[in-house]
Amino acid sequence: MTKKDAIDCLKVFVKALVQARVKDDEGFRKWRSRPENEALMARLFSYEREGDMPAVTAVVKPFFHPELPLIGLNYTPVAHNTLHKHHSGWTEPLRLCRGIVFSRRAALVALPFEKFFNYGEHAETSDLSAYAGQPFSATLKQDGHLAIIFRFQGKVVATTRGSFLSSSSLLANAMLSESRSDNLSESQPESLAEKLLSSGAFGEDLTLLCELIHPDTHVIVDYGDRQEFVLIGARNRRTLEDYDWDRLSRLGERLGLTVTSRWQGQNLDDLLALVKQPQYSNEEGFVVRFADGRRIKFKNAGYISMMLGEKLNHRYVMLRLIDGSFEKRFADLDGEVKALADKYRSELMAVFSVPVPTVEAKPKKKLVDPAVALKKARLAYLYGLVPEEESTPYYRGICRQFLNHQEKQENE
């Protein structure tokens, strides 16, 4: 399926929502619950459900502008957390649902990046020999929040990939509308939005993809007090053109925006060696863009160590053991992070040392199946690895998946 065909499918989806007068999350929940609408989504998203794949209604979610007639589409955390096992689930239409925006007349308004993957995360990013000989550019991966900036009804609008009302969306729009003067003699300083419009380079069809750098969008990299948009991409919603770095650099100069820097190396092996260095250098990594527009993320091992050190927990380790990526994920990371991950794994695998509970026979009571009793005891052990307030329904669901997965392996 071509990108144009995939966009056309999304337009039909948006039209179906508008015709059903879906205007909010509750309306979408009701709409998607009807079998005929789930079937429509499966067809439009080319989504063929196999095995334990989630339903198509669980992997994509629309979001709605509170004032303007705009509908955005985003893949859900369910898609992010489960489709690594089902690569065919990342269909072309679903990949485009990364903040793509349509009007309620189903006209394409903003075209951001489609879903792309980390090195080794997906079948298409695991074997770099498939890219041998292809020209590429590697740009510094910024560590803020993505701001998707576009024009609509004479206004400059910003959104994140999942909401027009997220804190980052509100911050981005405030930064766009804030009046700033580069010249103290100016009596009426322009806002950034006004400067973008007056530059002549920000056409109606252009979508600007910027990293929002601000203390409120801090992730891992320390940017200090910086507050700015860093241009990392641009796309034309009519021609579907994806700007390469040279053209992006010229565009940034005309718009007065900082453009993410380009790595000066020419060899993917050299880049791999660079990102595998374990020391943390206060940089996230690189995004490689090939001549055909395909992208791969290469994150620095030091950054991953910092990131995992902050989010590493029993749930994360269970997910990595379920998808089989535990050894690969931690192999090149900081020793302390690897040691903590091994500790969590040992605690999780101790579930198989839980003894079979002793069940006393009671008169006129049906005997409890020992296998059922053992299962309950094992789940109780996993639930108890975290404080009670963290033992949420989501965490318990991961525990059940983990136990089923490990018991199946144990019996094979």
Protein backbone atom coordinates (compact mmCIF):
# COMPACT_ATOMS: atom_id res chain seq x y z
CA MET A 1 0.00 0.00 0.00
CA THR A 2 1.36 3.41 -0.96
CA LYS A 3 1.41 6.33 1.47
CA LYS A 4 -1.27 8.07 -0.58
CA ASP A 5 -3.51 5.00 -0.43
CA ALA A 6 -2.97 4.78 3.35
CA ILE A 7 -3.91 8.45 3.77
CA ASP A 8 -7.03 7.89 1.68
CA CYS A 9 -8.02 5.06 4.04
CA LEU A 10 -7.61 7.38 7.02
CA LYS A 11 -9.79 9.97 5.28
CA VAL A 12 -12.59 7.41 4.99
CA PHE A 13 -12.17 6.63 8.69
CA VAL A 14 -12.46 10.31 9.59
CA LYS A 15 -15.54 10.68 7.36
CA ALA A 16 -17.17 7.75 9.17
CA LEU A 17 -16.53 9.42 12.54
CA VAL A 18 -17.92 12.75 11.34
CA GLN A 19 -21.01 11.15 9.80
CA ALA A 20 -21.65 9.42 13.14
CA ARG A 21 -21.19 12.78 14.91
CA VAL A 22 -18.30 11.51 17.00
CA LYS A 23 -16.80 14.53 18.75
CA ASP A 24 -15.08 13.21 21.86
CA ASP A 25 -13.55 10.16 23.53
CA GLU A 26 -16.86 8.89 24.88
CA GLY A 27 -18.44 9.14 21.45
CA PHE A 28 -15.59 7.14 19.95
CA ARG A 29 -15.84 4.45 22.65
CA LYS A 30 -19.51 3.96 21.80
CA TRP A 31 -18.86 4.04 18.05
CA ARG A 32 -16.05 1.50 18.11
CA SER A 33 -18.07 -0.94 20.24
CA ARG A 34 -20.34 -1.76 17.31
CA PRO A 35 -19.17 -4.86 15.40
CA GLU A 36 -19.77 -3.25 12.02
CA ASN A 37 -17.49 -0.34 12.92
CA GLU A 38 -14.73 -2.63 14.16
CA ALA A 39 -14.98 -4.48 10.83
CA LEU A 40 -14.76 -1.15 8.98
CA MET A 41 -11.65 -0.18 10.94
CA ALA A 42 -10.00 -3.55 10.28
CA ARG A 43 -10.55 -3.06 6.55
CA LEU A 44 -9.41 0.57 6.44
CA PHE A 45 -6.31 -0.12 8.54
CA SER A 46 -5.51 -3.38 6.66
CA TYR A 47 -5.39 -4.95 10.10
CA GLU A 48 -5.56 -8.75 10.23
CA ARG A 49 -5.83 -9.95 13.79
CA GLU A 50 -3.87 -13.10 14.60
CA GLY A 51 -3.26 -14.98 17.84
CA ASP A 52 -3.18 -12.65 20.83
CA MET A 53 -3.07 -9.45 18.79
CA PRO A 54 -5.26 -6.70 20.25
CA ALA A 55 -8.38 -5.63 18.40
CA VAL A 56 -7.95 -2.84 15.88
CA THR A 57 -10.25 -0.70 18.03
CA ALA A 58 -7.60 -0.84 20.78
CA VAL A 59 -4.60 0.29 18.71
CA VAL A 60 -5.72 3.64 17.30
CA LYS A 61 -7.49 6.60 18.90
CA PRO A 62 -8.77 9.89 17.48
CA PHE A 63 -8.40 13.16 19.36
CA PHE A 64 -10.45 16.28 18.86
CA HIS A 65 -9.71 20.00 18.90
CA PRO A 66 -11.90 21.84 21.44
CA GLU A 67 -12.60 24.79 19.12
CA LEU A 68 -11.42 24.12 15.57
CA PRO A 69 -12.97 21.45 13.32
CA LEU A 70 -9.92 19.20 13.54
CA ILE A 71 -9.44 15.49 14.24
CA GLY A 72 -6.04 13.95 14.97
CA LEU A 73 -5.16 10.25 14.95
CA ASN A 74 -2.67 8.51 17.19
CA TYR A 75 -1.67 4.91 17.88
CA THR A 76 -2.32 3.87 21.47
CA PRO A 77 -0.10 2.57 24.31
CA VAL A 78 -1.64 -0.85 23.59
CA ALA A 79 -0.16 -0.73 20.08
CA HIS A 80 3.19 0.48 21.43
CA ASN A 81 3.36 -2.25 24.08
CA THR A 82 2.05 -5.26 22.13
CA LEU A 83 2.72 -4.95 18.42
CA HIS A 84 6.48 -5.55 18.87
CA LYS A 85 5.44 -9.22 18.83
CA HIS A 86 3.25 -8.78 15.75
CA HIS A 87 5.17 -6.68 13.25
CA SER A 88 2.47 -7.17 10.62
CA GLY A 89 0.17 -5.17 12.90
CA TRP A 90 2.11 -2.00 12.08
CA THR A 91 0.25 -1.45 8.82
CA GLU A 92 0.83 1.62 6.66
CA PRO A 93 -2.34 3.40 7.84
CA LEU A 94 -1.54 2.70 11.51
CA ARG A 95 2.05 3.93 11.13
CA LEU A 96 0.69 7.25 9.86
CA CYS A 97 -1.33 7.67 13.06
CA ARG A 98 1.39 9.53 14.90
CA GLY A 99 -0.34 12.86 15.22
CA ILE A 100 -1.68 13.14 11.66
CA VAL A 101 -4.45 15.78 11.52
CA PHE A 102 -7.53 16.07 9.30
CA SER A 103 -10.30 18.62 9.09
CA ARG A 104 -13.81 17.40 9.83
CA ARG A 105 -14.26 17.47 6.06
CA ALA A 106 -11.57 14.78 5.93
CA ALA A 107 -8.98 17.04 4.28
CA LEU A 108 -5.40 16.33 5.31
CA VAL A 109 -4.17 19.27 7.38
CA ALA A 110 -0.91 18.13 9.03
CA LEU A 111 1.42 15.30 8.02
CA PRO A 112 3.98 14.41 10.71
CA PHE A 113 6.48 11.54 10.72
CA GLU A 114 4.98 8.08 10.53
CA LYS A 115 5.97 5.50 13.14
CA PHE A 116 9.63 4.47 12.87
CA PHE A 117 11.70 2.20 15.04
CA ASN A 118 14.87 1.90 17.06
CA TYR A 119 17.76 -0.10 15.65
CA GLY A 120 17.03 -3.79 16.32
CA GLU A 121 13.48 -3.14 17.51
CA HIS A 122 11.68 -4.28 14.36
CA ALA A 123 12.39 -6.74 11.56
CA GLU A 124 13.07 -3.88 9.15
CA THR A 125 15.62 -2.27 11.47
CA SER A 126 17.51 -5.38 12.58
CA ASP A 127 19.53 -6.09 9.44
CA LEU A 128 21.43 -3.04 8.27
CA SER A 129 22.81 -4.92 5.27
CA ALA A 130 19.49 -4.15 3.59
CA TYR A 131 20.54 -0.49 3.61
CA ALA A 132 24.08 -1.05 2.39
CA GLY A 133 25.18 1.49 -0.19
CA GLN A 134 22.19 3.76 0.34
CA PRO A 135 22.92 7.45 0.96
CA PHE A 136 21.86 8.61 4.40
CA SER A 137 22.13 11.46 6.84
CA ALA A 138 22.29 11.11 10.61
CA THR A 139 20.98 13.97 12.71
CA LEU A 140 21.17 14.52 16.44
CA LYS A 141 18.07 13.15 18.16
CA GLN A 142 16.61 15.86 20.35
CA ASP A 143 15.23 14.86 23.75
CA GLY A 144 12.18 17.04 24.26
CA HIS A 145 8.58 16.64 23.10
CA LEU A 146 7.51 16.58 19.46
CA ALA A 147 5.52 19.64 18.37
CA ILE A 148 3.59 19.29 15.11
CA ILE A 149 3.09 22.82 13.74
CA PHE A 150 0.77 23.65 10.83
CA ARG A 151 -1.48 26.33 9.40
CA PHE A 152 -5.28 26.18 9.54
CA GLN A 153 -7.82 28.90 8.83
CA GLY A 154 -5.13 31.56 8.88
CA LYS A 155 -3.76 30.45 12.26
CA VAL A 156 -0.58 28.70 13.31
CA VAL A 157 -1.53 25.64 15.36
CA ALA A 158 0.63 23.21 17.33
CA THR A 159 -0.26 19.78 18.64
CA THR A 160 1.52 16.80 20.11
CA ARG A 161 0.99 13.42 18.54
CA GLY A 162 -1.85 12.50 20.88
CA SER A 163 -3.70 15.61 22.02
CA PHE A 164 -4.50 19.20 21.19
CA LEU A 165 -4.84 19.84 24.93
CA SER A 166 -1.79 18.11 26.40
CA SER A 167 0.45 20.24 28.59
CA SER A 168 3.08 20.22 25.84
CA SER A 169 0.52 21.28 23.21
CA LEU A 170 -0.60 24.17 25.39
CA LEU A 171 3.01 25.14 26.04
CA ALA A 172 3.88 25.00 22.32
CA ASN A 173 0.94 27.21 21.37
CA ALA A 174 1.81 29.66 24.14
CA MET A 175 5.41 29.87 22.88
CA LEU A 176 4.14 30.44 19.34
CA SER A 177 1.88 33.29 20.38
CA GLU A 178 4.28 34.95 22.83
CA SER A 179 5.56 38.26 21.52
CA ARG A 180 9.33 38.52 21.52
CA SER A 181 11.61 41.17 20.16
CA ASP A 182 15.01 40.47 18.67
CA ASN A 183 15.57 44.19 18.48
CA LEU A 184 15.14 46.42 21.53
CA SER A 185 14.13 49.30 19.25
CA GLU A 186 11.05 47.45 18.01
CA SER A 187 7.92 49.04 19.43
CA GLN A 188 5.64 46.14 18.44
CA PRO A 189 7.54 42.87 18.70
CA GLU A 190 6.19 39.95 16.69
CA SER A 191 5.22 36.58 18.03
CA LEU A 192 6.93 33.50 16.58
CA ALA A 193 3.69 32.58 14.84
CA GLU A 194 3.61 35.99 13.14
CA LYS A 195 7.24 35.65 12.12
CA LEU A 196 6.58 32.23 10.62
CA LEU A 197 3.65 33.54 8.62
CA SER A 198 5.51 36.63 7.41
CA SER A 199 8.61 34.68 6.39
CA GLY A 200 7.00 33.46 3.17
CA ALA A 201 8.54 30.03 3.72
CA PHE A 202 5.77 28.54 5.85
CA GLY A 203 3.23 27.68 3.19
CA GLU A 204 -0.28 26.33 3.70
CA ASP A 205 0.81 22.83 2.75
CA LEU A 206 3.84 22.62 5.04
CA THR A 207 3.97 20.74 8.33
CA LEU A 208 6.84 21.70 10.61
CA LEU A 209 8.12 19.00 12.95
CA CYS A 210 9.95 20.52 15.88
CA GLU A 211 11.35 19.29 19.15
CA LEU A 212 9.98 21.44 21.95
CA ILE A 213 12.87 22.15 24.30
CA HIS A 214 11.78 23.63 27.62
CA PRO A 215 12.34 22.87 31.32
CA ASP A 216 8.77 21.52 31.39
CA THR A 217 9.54 18.98 28.63
CA HIS A 218 12.71 17.66 30.27
CA VAL A 219 13.24 13.91 29.75
CA ILE A 220 16.87 12.84 30.27
CA VAL A 221 19.16 15.29 28.44
CA ASP A 222 19.88 18.44 30.43
CA TYR A 223 19.19 21.52 28.28
CA GLY A 224 19.35 23.93 31.20
CA ASP A 225 16.98 26.86 30.77
CA ARG A 226 16.67 26.60 26.97
CA GLN A 227 13.21 27.38 25.58
CA GLU A 228 12.95 26.93 21.84
CA PHE A 229 11.69 24.90 18.92
CA VAL A 230 14.36 22.83 17.14
CA LEU A 231 13.39 21.96 13.57
CA ILE A 232 13.84 18.22 12.98
CA GLY A 233 11.65 17.67 9.92
CA ALA A 234 9.22 19.15 7.42
CA ARG A 235 6.66 17.55 5.12
CA ASN A 236 4.33 18.75 2.39
CA ARG A 237 0.80 17.47 2.86
CA ARG A 238 -0.06 17.69 -0.84
CA THR A 239 3.05 16.28 -2.50
CA LEU A 240 3.92 14.12 0.59
CA GLU A 241 7.50 15.33 0.20
CA ASP A 242 9.74 14.65 3.19
CA TYR A 243 12.52 17.26 3.42
CA ASP A 244 16.09 15.98 3.56
CA TRP A 245 18.59 17.69 5.86
CA ASP A 246 20.00 20.08 3.24
CA ARG A 247 16.57 21.42 2.36
CA LEU A 248 15.54 21.43 6.02
CA SER A 249 18.60 23.50 6.87
CA ARG A 250 17.70 26.11 4.25
CA LEU A 251 14.11 26.18 5.49
CA GLY A 252 15.22 26.67 9.09
CA GLU A 253 17.37 29.62 8.06
CA ARG A 254 14.41 31.29 6.33
CA LEU A 255 12.11 30.63 9.29
CA GLY A 256 14.63 31.69 11.91
CA LEU A 257 14.49 28.28 13.61
CA THR A 258 17.41 26.25 14.94
CA VAL A 259 17.87 23.06 12.91
CA THR A 260 19.05 19.85 14.52
CA SER A 261 22.72 19.22 13.76
CA ARG A 262 24.01 16.57 11.35
CA TRP A 263 26.62 13.93 12.16
CA GLN A 264 29.61 14.28 9.86
CA GLY A 265 30.39 10.56 9.52
CA GLN A 266 29.53 8.54 6.44
CA ASN A 267 29.56 4.94 7.66
CA LEU A 268 26.80 3.11 9.58
CA ASP A 269 29.36 0.85 11.27
CA ASP A 270 31.11 3.92 12.67
CA LEU A 271 27.79 5.27 13.91
CA LEU A 272 27.00 1.94 15.60
CA ALA A 273 30.36 1.96 17.33
CA LEU A 274 29.73 5.53 18.48
CA VAL A 275 26.32 4.87 20.05
CA LYS A 276 27.54 1.71 21.81
CA GLN A 277 29.94 3.68 23.99
CA PRO A 278 28.63 3.24 27.56
CA GLN A 279 29.48 6.66 28.98
CA TYR A 280 26.66 9.19 29.14
CA SER A 281 27.39 12.24 26.97
CA ASN A 282 24.17 14.24 27.56
CA GLU A 283 22.88 13.33 24.10
CA GLU A 284 20.07 10.91 23.23
CA GLY A 285 21.45 9.57 19.97
CA PHE A 286 20.79 9.95 16.25
CA VAL A 287 18.07 9.55 13.68
CA VAL A 288 19.26 8.13 10.39
CA ARG A 289 17.25 9.11 7.33
CA PHE A 290 17.86 7.15 4.14
CA ALA A 291 17.36 8.56 0.67
CA ASP A 292 13.95 6.88 0.33
CA GLY A 293 12.72 8.57 3.54
CA ARG A 294 12.95 5.55 5.85
CA ARG A 295 14.23 6.36 9.31
CA ILE A 296 15.90 4.41 12.12
CA LYS A 297 16.63 5.63 15.65
CA PHE A 298 20.06 4.89 17.14
CA LYS A 299 20.11 5.69 20.85
CA ASN A 300 23.31 6.07 22.81
CA ALA A 301 23.97 3.24 25.25
CA GLY A 302 24.74 5.81 27.95
CA TYR A 303 21.38 7.50 27.38
CA ILE A 304 19.53 4.17 27.50
CA SER A 305 21.25 3.38 30.78
CA MET A 306 20.08 6.69 32.21
CA MET A 307 16.56 6.14 30.86
CA LEU A 308 16.26 2.58 32.11
CA GLY A 309 17.73 3.54 35.43
CA GLU A 310 14.75 5.86 35.87
CA LYS A 311 12.00 3.53 34.62
CA LEU A 312 13.49 0.11 35.37
CA ASN A 313 11.08 -1.95 37.44
CA HIS A 314 9.53 -5.41 37.66
CA ARG A 315 6.88 -4.58 35.04
CA TYR A 316 9.46 -3.46 32.50
CA VAL A 317 11.57 -6.58 33.04
CA MET A 318 8.51 -8.81 32.68
CA LEU A 319 7.69 -7.21 29.33
CA ARG A 320 11.26 -7.74 28.12
CA LEU A 321 11.21 -11.38 29.23
CA ILE A 322 7.89 -11.90 27.46
CA ASP A 323 9.12 -10.46 24.16
CA GLY A 324 12.50 -12.19 24.45
CA SER A 325 14.55 -9.00 24.29
CA PHE A 326 15.94 -8.99 27.85
CA GLU A 327 19.51 -10.07 27.05
CA LYS A 328 19.77 -7.87 23.97
CA ARG A 329 18.27 -4.85 25.72
CA PHE A 330 20.72 -4.85 28.61
CA ALA A 331 23.85 -6.34 27.01
CA ASP A 332 25.72 -3.08 26.31
CA LEU A 333 24.43 -0.97 29.16
CA ASP A 334 25.99 0.37 32.31
CA GLY A 335 26.95 -2.36 34.77
CA GLU A 336 24.79 -0.98 37.56
CA VAL A 337 21.71 -0.93 35.34
CA LYS A 338 22.41 -4.48 34.15
CA ALA A 339 22.88 -5.64 37.76
CA LEU A 340 19.55 -4.11 38.80
CA ALA A 341 17.79 -5.71 35.83
CA ASP A 342 19.30 -9.09 36.76
CA LYS A 343 18.10 -8.61 40.34
CA TYR A 344 14.55 -7.96 39.17
CA ARG A 345 14.70 -10.97 36.85
CA SER A 346 15.85 -13.22 39.70
CA GLU A 347 13.01 -12.00 41.88
CA LEU A 348 10.52 -12.66 39.09
CA MET A 349 11.83 -16.13 38.28
CA ALA A 350 11.61 -17.02 41.99
CA VAL A 351 7.88 -17.34 41.33
CA PHE A 352 8.62 -20.94 40.37
CA SER A 353 9.93 -21.62 43.87
CA VAL A 354 6.55 -20.79 45.39
CA PRO A 355 5.37 -24.01 47.09
CA VAL A 356 2.06 -25.64 46.34
CA PRO A 357 -0.33 -24.37 49.03
CA THR A 358 -1.62 -26.86 51.55
CA VAL A 359 -5.37 -27.10 51.18
CA GLU A 360 -7.31 -28.56 54.08
CA ALA A 361 -10.21 -30.78 53.16
CA LYS A 362 -13.46 -29.49 54.62
CA PRO A 363 -16.70 -31.43 54.94
CA LYS A 364 -19.15 -30.87 52.12
CA LYS A 365 -16.60 -28.61 50.36
CA LYS A 366 -15.34 -29.32 46.89
CA LEU A 367 -11.61 -30.01 46.84
CA VAL A 368 -9.50 -27.23 45.36
CA ASP A 369 -7.49 -28.24 42.32
CA PRO A 370 -3.80 -28.04 43.37
CA ALA A 371 -2.88 -26.55 39.98
CA VAL A 372 -5.42 -23.76 40.48
CA ALA A 373 -4.19 -23.14 44.01
CA LEU A 374 -0.57 -22.97 42.81
CA LYS A 375 -1.49 -20.51 40.06
CA LYS A 376 -3.18 -18.23 42.57
CA ALA A 377 -0.19 -18.45 44.91
CA ARG A 378 2.22 -17.58 42.12
CA LEU A 379 0.15 -14.60 41.05
CA ALA A 380 -0.09 -13.43 44.65
CA TYR A 381 3.71 -13.57 44.84
CA LEU A 382 4.11 -11.46 41.67
CA TYR A 383 1.49 -8.96 42.82
CA GLY A 384 3.36 -8.61 46.11
CA LEU A 385 6.67 -7.61 44.49
CA VAL A 386 5.51 -4.00 44.29
CA PRO A 387 3.87 -1.71 46.85
CA GLU A 388 0.10 -2.05 47.04
CA GLU A 389 -0.52 1.30 45.34
CA GLU A 390 1.53 0.15 42.32
CA SER A 391 -0.31 -3.16 41.99
CA THR A 392 -2.74 -1.68 39.48
CA PRO A 393 -5.00 -3.67 37.13
CA TYR A 394 -2.48 -2.98 34.35
CA TYR A 395 0.42 -4.31 36.43
CA ARG A 396 -1.57 -7.40 37.37
CA GLY A 397 -2.42 -8.01 33.74
CA ILE A 398 1.29 -7.98 32.89
CA CYS A 399 1.88 -10.44 35.75
CA ARG A 400 -0.67 -12.84 34.28
CA GLN A 401 0.87 -12.55 30.82
CA PHE A 402 4.33 -13.14 32.25
CA LEU A 403 3.27 -16.18 34.28
CA ASN A 404 1.42 -17.74 31.33
CA HIS A 405 4.40 -17.12 29.08
CA GLN A 406 6.93 -18.62 31.51
CA GLU A 407 4.73 -21.62 32.37
CA LYS A 408 4.33 -22.35 28.68
CA GLN A 409 8.10 -22.25 28.20
CA GLU A 410 8.61 -24.42 31.27
CA ASN A 411 6.26 -27.08 29.89
CA GLU A 412 7.78 -27.16 26.39
